Every structure is written in C-alpha cells, then in structure tokens.
C-alpha cells in the first residue's frame, strides 16, 4: 500500500480507538519505523477531517443498509439513498485530492519528510 493509504487506515483505527477506549485523546502523532528499525516522526496532525469522513461514510452505509433490507421501501427511495452515498464518496475523494496538492497538506509533509530522510541516507 502507498503511505497515504496506510495513513488513512491508521487514522481510522485511531478514530475507532478514541471512540471505544476510555481516556484516548483528540490529537494524534504519527511515527514511522523503517525496515532497519529506525523510528522517525512524520509530524503531528489532528485527524478530525478523516474522522468526519469516516463517520459520514459509516452513517450513509447504515442508512443504505436499512433501506436496502426494507422490502417495502420503494426502489426510487433506495436509489436516492445510494446516490446520496455516492455524493459523499465523490466529495470526500475530491477534498482529499485537493489537500494532496496543497504544499502545506499532511500528504505534502509526508512526501517532504520521506524525501529528506532519503537524502540523509
């Protein structure tokens, strides 16, 4: 997996821990461990945006599931719910692509740190 995909999964795992483990905090710090065992800091981030996307997605899926299982729900209503879910997906992907292009984004920070580390080696 690409590093940004791993980070998305990691942030989602942290979101679940924060919601289900008493005492988990709000801010998150991401570290890497190289194949050689070296620990490096990629920076500090606030994961609220990824957490909000995950919650929107989970909520949309729950509603879609319920309406799909409701045999009495009109097909048009189920299709509208599906379309709403697709809108959430498109908006999320669009936002993440925009953020990736910004020089101050977390993805840009990761790219910078990885390139810097490579130069040091």
C-alpha atoms as a PDB file:
ATOM      1  CA  UNK A   1       0.000   0.000   0.000  1.00  0.00           C
ATOM      2  CA  UNK A   2       1.035   3.568  -0.568  1.00  0.00           C
ATOM      3  CA  UNK A   3       1.980   5.516   2.554  1.00  0.00           C
ATOM      4  CA  UNK A   4      -1.043   7.841   2.285  1.00  0.00           C
ATOM      5  CA  UNK A   5      -3.332   4.763   2.167  1.00  0.00           C
ATOM      6  CA  UNK A   6      -1.651   3.315   5.239  1.00  0.00           C
ATOM      7  CA  UNK A   7      -2.139   6.660   6.993  1.00  0.00           C
ATOM      8  CA  UNK A   8      -5.848   6.660   6.166  1.00  0.00           C
ATOM      9  CA  UNK A   9      -6.212   3.196   7.683  1.00  0.00           C
ATOM     10  CA  UNK A  10      -4.140   4.239  10.713  1.00  0.00           C
ATOM     11  CA  UNK A  11      -6.234   7.359  11.302  1.00  0.00           C
ATOM     12  CA  UNK A  12      -9.411   5.290  11.012  1.00  0.00           C
ATOM     13  CA  UNK A  13      -8.048   2.792  13.560  1.00  0.00           C
ATOM     14  CA  UNK A  14      -7.227   5.700  15.891  1.00  0.00           C
ATOM     15  CA  UNK A  15     -10.745   7.067  15.421  1.00  0.00           C
ATOM     16  CA  UNK A  16     -12.205   3.736  16.487  1.00  0.00           C
ATOM     17  CA  UNK A  17      -9.876   3.581  19.494  1.00  0.00           C
ATOM     18  CA  UNK A  18     -10.786   7.134  20.525  1.00  0.00           C
ATOM     19  CA  UNK A  19     -14.468   6.271  20.383  1.00  0.00           C
ATOM     20  CA  UNK A  20     -14.172   2.967  22.217  1.00  0.00           C
ATOM     21  CA  UNK A  21     -11.222   3.221  24.620  1.00  0.00           C
ATOM     22  CA  UNK A  22     -11.723   5.404  27.711  1.00  0.00           C
ATOM     23  CA  UNK A  23      -9.117   8.136  28.061  1.00  0.00           C
ATOM     24  CA  UNK A  24      -7.977   8.263  24.432  1.00  0.00           C
ATOM     25  CA  UNK A  25      -7.164  11.828  23.421  1.00  0.00           C
ATOM     26  CA  UNK A  26      -8.037  14.011  20.483  1.00  0.00           C
ATOM     27  CA  UNK A  27      -4.664  14.792  18.893  1.00  0.00           C
ATOM     28  CA  UNK A  28      -2.551  12.174  17.161  1.00  0.00           C
ATOM     29  CA  UNK A  29       1.143  11.813  16.405  1.00  0.00           C
ATOM     30  CA  UNK A  30       2.253   9.547  13.604  1.00  0.00           C
ATOM     31  CA  UNK A  31       5.628   7.836  13.645  1.00  0.00           C
ATOM     32  CA  UNK A  32       7.280   5.514  11.162  1.00  0.00           C
ATOM     33  CA  UNK A  33       9.560   2.584  11.763  1.00  0.00           C
ATOM     34  CA  UNK A  34      11.896   1.819   8.874  1.00  0.00           C
ATOM     35  CA  UNK A  35      12.898  -1.667   7.811  1.00  0.00           C
ATOM     36  CA  UNK A  36      16.123  -1.064   9.745  1.00  0.00           C
ATOM     37  CA  UNK A  37      14.177  -0.312  12.924  1.00  0.00           C
ATOM     38  CA  UNK A  38      14.776   3.439  12.837  1.00  0.00           C
ATOM     39  CA  UNK A  39      11.940   5.499  14.267  1.00  0.00           C
ATOM     40  CA  UNK A  40      11.048   8.752  12.565  1.00  0.00           C
ATOM     41  CA  UNK A  41       8.388  11.353  13.149  1.00  0.00           C
ATOM     42  CA  UNK A  42       6.294  12.375  10.173  1.00  0.00           C
ATOM     43  CA  UNK A  43       4.711  15.185  12.083  1.00  0.00           C
ATOM     44  CA  UNK A  44       1.768  15.924  14.299  1.00  0.00           C
ATOM     45  CA  UNK A  45      -1.716  16.048  12.917  1.00  0.00           C
ATOM     46  CA  UNK A  46      -5.272  16.499  14.011  1.00  0.00           C
ATOM     47  CA  UNK A  47      -7.250  13.650  12.497  1.00  0.00           C
ATOM     48  CA  UNK A  48     -10.693  15.236  12.755  1.00  0.00           C
ATOM     49  CA  UNK A  49     -11.168  15.561   8.985  1.00  0.00           C
ATOM     50  CA  UNK A  50     -10.546  11.872   8.312  1.00  0.00           C
ATOM     51  CA  UNK A  51     -12.689  11.014  11.334  1.00  0.00           C
ATOM     52  CA  UNK A  52     -15.546  13.168   9.994  1.00  0.00           C
ATOM     53  CA  UNK A  53     -15.323  11.473   6.597  1.00  0.00           C
ATOM     54  CA  UNK A  54     -15.352   8.059   8.246  1.00  0.00           C
ATOM     55  CA  UNK A  55     -18.409   8.961  10.315  1.00  0.00           C
ATOM     56  CA  UNK A  56     -20.275  10.339   7.281  1.00  0.00           C
ATOM     57  CA  UNK A  57     -19.444   7.214   5.328  1.00  0.00           C
ATOM     58  CA  UNK A  58     -20.483   4.876   8.160  1.00  0.00           C
ATOM     59  CA  UNK A  59     -23.742   6.764   8.683  1.00  0.00           C
ATOM     60  CA  UNK A  60     -24.533   6.669   4.965  1.00  0.00           C
ATOM     61  CA  UNK A  61     -23.816   2.940   4.759  1.00  0.00           C
ATOM     62  CA  UNK A  62     -26.058   2.239   7.778  1.00  0.00           C
ATOM     63  CA  UNK A  63     -28.953   4.122   6.193  1.00  0.00           C
ATOM     64  CA  UNK A  64     -28.379   2.417   2.847  1.00  0.00           C
ATOM     65  CA  UNK A  65     -28.301  -0.979   4.561  1.00  0.00           C
ATOM     66  CA  UNK A  66     -31.556  -0.361   6.430  1.00  0.00           C
ATOM     67  CA  UNK A  67     -33.371   0.872   3.340  1.00  0.00           C
ATOM     68  CA  UNK A  68     -31.987  -1.986   1.227  1.00  0.00           C
ATOM     69  CA  UNK A  69     -33.328  -4.515   3.715  1.00  0.00           C
ATOM     70  CA  UNK A  70     -36.732  -2.807   3.878  1.00  0.00           C
ATOM     71  CA  UNK A  71     -38.527  -4.690   1.124  1.00  0.00           C
ATOM     72  CA  UNK A  72     -41.417  -2.202   1.311  1.00  0.00           C
ATOM     73  CA  UNK A  73     -39.137   0.762   0.567  1.00  0.00           C
ATOM     74  CA  UNK A  74     -39.683   1.976  -2.993  1.00  0.00           C
ATOM     75  CA  UNK A  75     -36.791   1.302  -5.382  1.00  0.00           C
ATOM     76  CA  UNK A  76     -36.594   5.024  -6.098  1.00  0.00           C
ATOM     77  CA  UNK A  77     -36.026   5.761  -2.398  1.00  0.00           C
ATOM     78  CA  UNK A  78     -33.257   3.143  -2.178  1.00  0.00           C
ATOM     79  CA  UNK A  79     -31.651   4.538  -5.330  1.00  0.00           C
ATOM     80  CA  UNK A  80     -31.783   8.077  -3.903  1.00  0.00           C
ATOM     81  CA  UNK A  81     -30.039   6.848  -0.741  1.00  0.00           C
ATOM     82  CA  UNK A  82     -27.417   5.141  -2.883  1.00  0.00           C
ATOM     83  CA  UNK A  83     -26.929   8.361  -4.849  1.00  0.00           C
ATOM     84  CA  UNK A  84     -26.510  10.308  -1.591  1.00  0.00           C
ATOM     85  CA  UNK A  85     -23.831   7.829  -0.571  1.00  0.00           C
ATOM     86  CA  UNK A  86     -22.094   8.258  -3.913  1.00  0.00           C
ATOM     87  CA  UNK A  87     -22.161  12.047  -3.384  1.00  0.00           C
ATOM     88  CA  UNK A  88     -20.374  11.589  -0.034  1.00  0.00           C
ATOM     89  CA  UNK A  89     -17.766   9.393  -1.718  1.00  0.00           C
ATOM     90  CA  UNK A  90     -17.177  11.884  -4.539  1.00  0.00           C
ATOM     91  CA  UNK A  91     -16.940  14.838  -2.160  1.00  0.00           C
ATOM     92  CA  UNK A  92     -14.501  13.006   0.105  1.00  0.00           C
ATOM     93  CA  UNK A  93     -12.252  11.964  -2.762  1.00  0.00           C
ATOM     94  CA  UNK A  94     -12.352  15.446  -4.274  1.00  0.00           C
ATOM     95  CA  UNK A  95     -11.398  17.049  -0.963  1.00  0.00           C
ATOM     96  CA  UNK A  96      -8.552  14.593  -0.381  1.00  0.00           C
ATOM     97  CA  UNK A  97      -7.196  15.192  -3.881  1.00  0.00           C
ATOM     98  CA  UNK A  98      -7.266  18.957  -3.290  1.00  0.00           C
ATOM     99  CA  UNK A  99      -5.473  18.555   0.034  1.00  0.00           C
ATOM    100  CA  UNK A 100      -2.813  16.365  -1.525  1.00  0.00           C
ATOM    101  CA  UNK A 101      -1.981  19.174  -3.962  1.00  0.00           C
ATOM    102  CA  UNK A 102      -1.569  21.838  -1.279  1.00  0.00           C
ATOM    103  CA  UNK A 103       2.052  22.401  -0.244  1.00  0.00           C
ATOM    104  CA  UNK A 104       1.018  22.625   3.428  1.00  0.00           C
ATOM    105  CA  UNK A 105      -1.083  19.459   3.459  1.00  0.00           C
ATOM    106  CA  UNK A 106      -0.243  16.434   5.559  1.00  0.00           C
ATOM    107  CA  UNK A 107       0.494  14.416   2.404  1.00  0.00           C
ATOM    108  CA  UNK A 108       2.968  17.095   1.333  1.00  0.00           C
ATOM    109  CA  UNK A 109       4.590  16.935   4.770  1.00  0.00           C
ATOM    110  CA  UNK A 110       4.975  13.173   4.455  1.00  0.00           C
ATOM    111  CA  UNK A 111       6.470  13.480   0.971  1.00  0.00           C
ATOM    112  CA  UNK A 112       8.876  16.132   2.232  1.00  0.00           C
ATOM    113  CA  UNK A 113       9.968  14.079   5.249  1.00  0.00           C
ATOM    114  CA  UNK A 114      10.409  10.897   3.222  1.00  0.00           C
ATOM    115  CA  UNK A 115      12.492  12.744   0.592  1.00  0.00           C
ATOM    116  CA  UNK A 116      14.558  14.414   3.319  1.00  0.00           C
ATOM    117  CA  UNK A 117      15.161  11.084   5.011  1.00  0.00           C
ATOM    118  CA  UNK A 118      16.160   9.523   1.694  1.00  0.00           C
ATOM    119  CA  UNK A 119      18.661  12.343   1.106  1.00  0.00           C
ATOM    120  CA  UNK A 120      20.144  11.768   4.576  1.00  0.00           C
ATOM    121  CA  UNK A 121      20.700   8.104   3.815  1.00  0.00           C
END
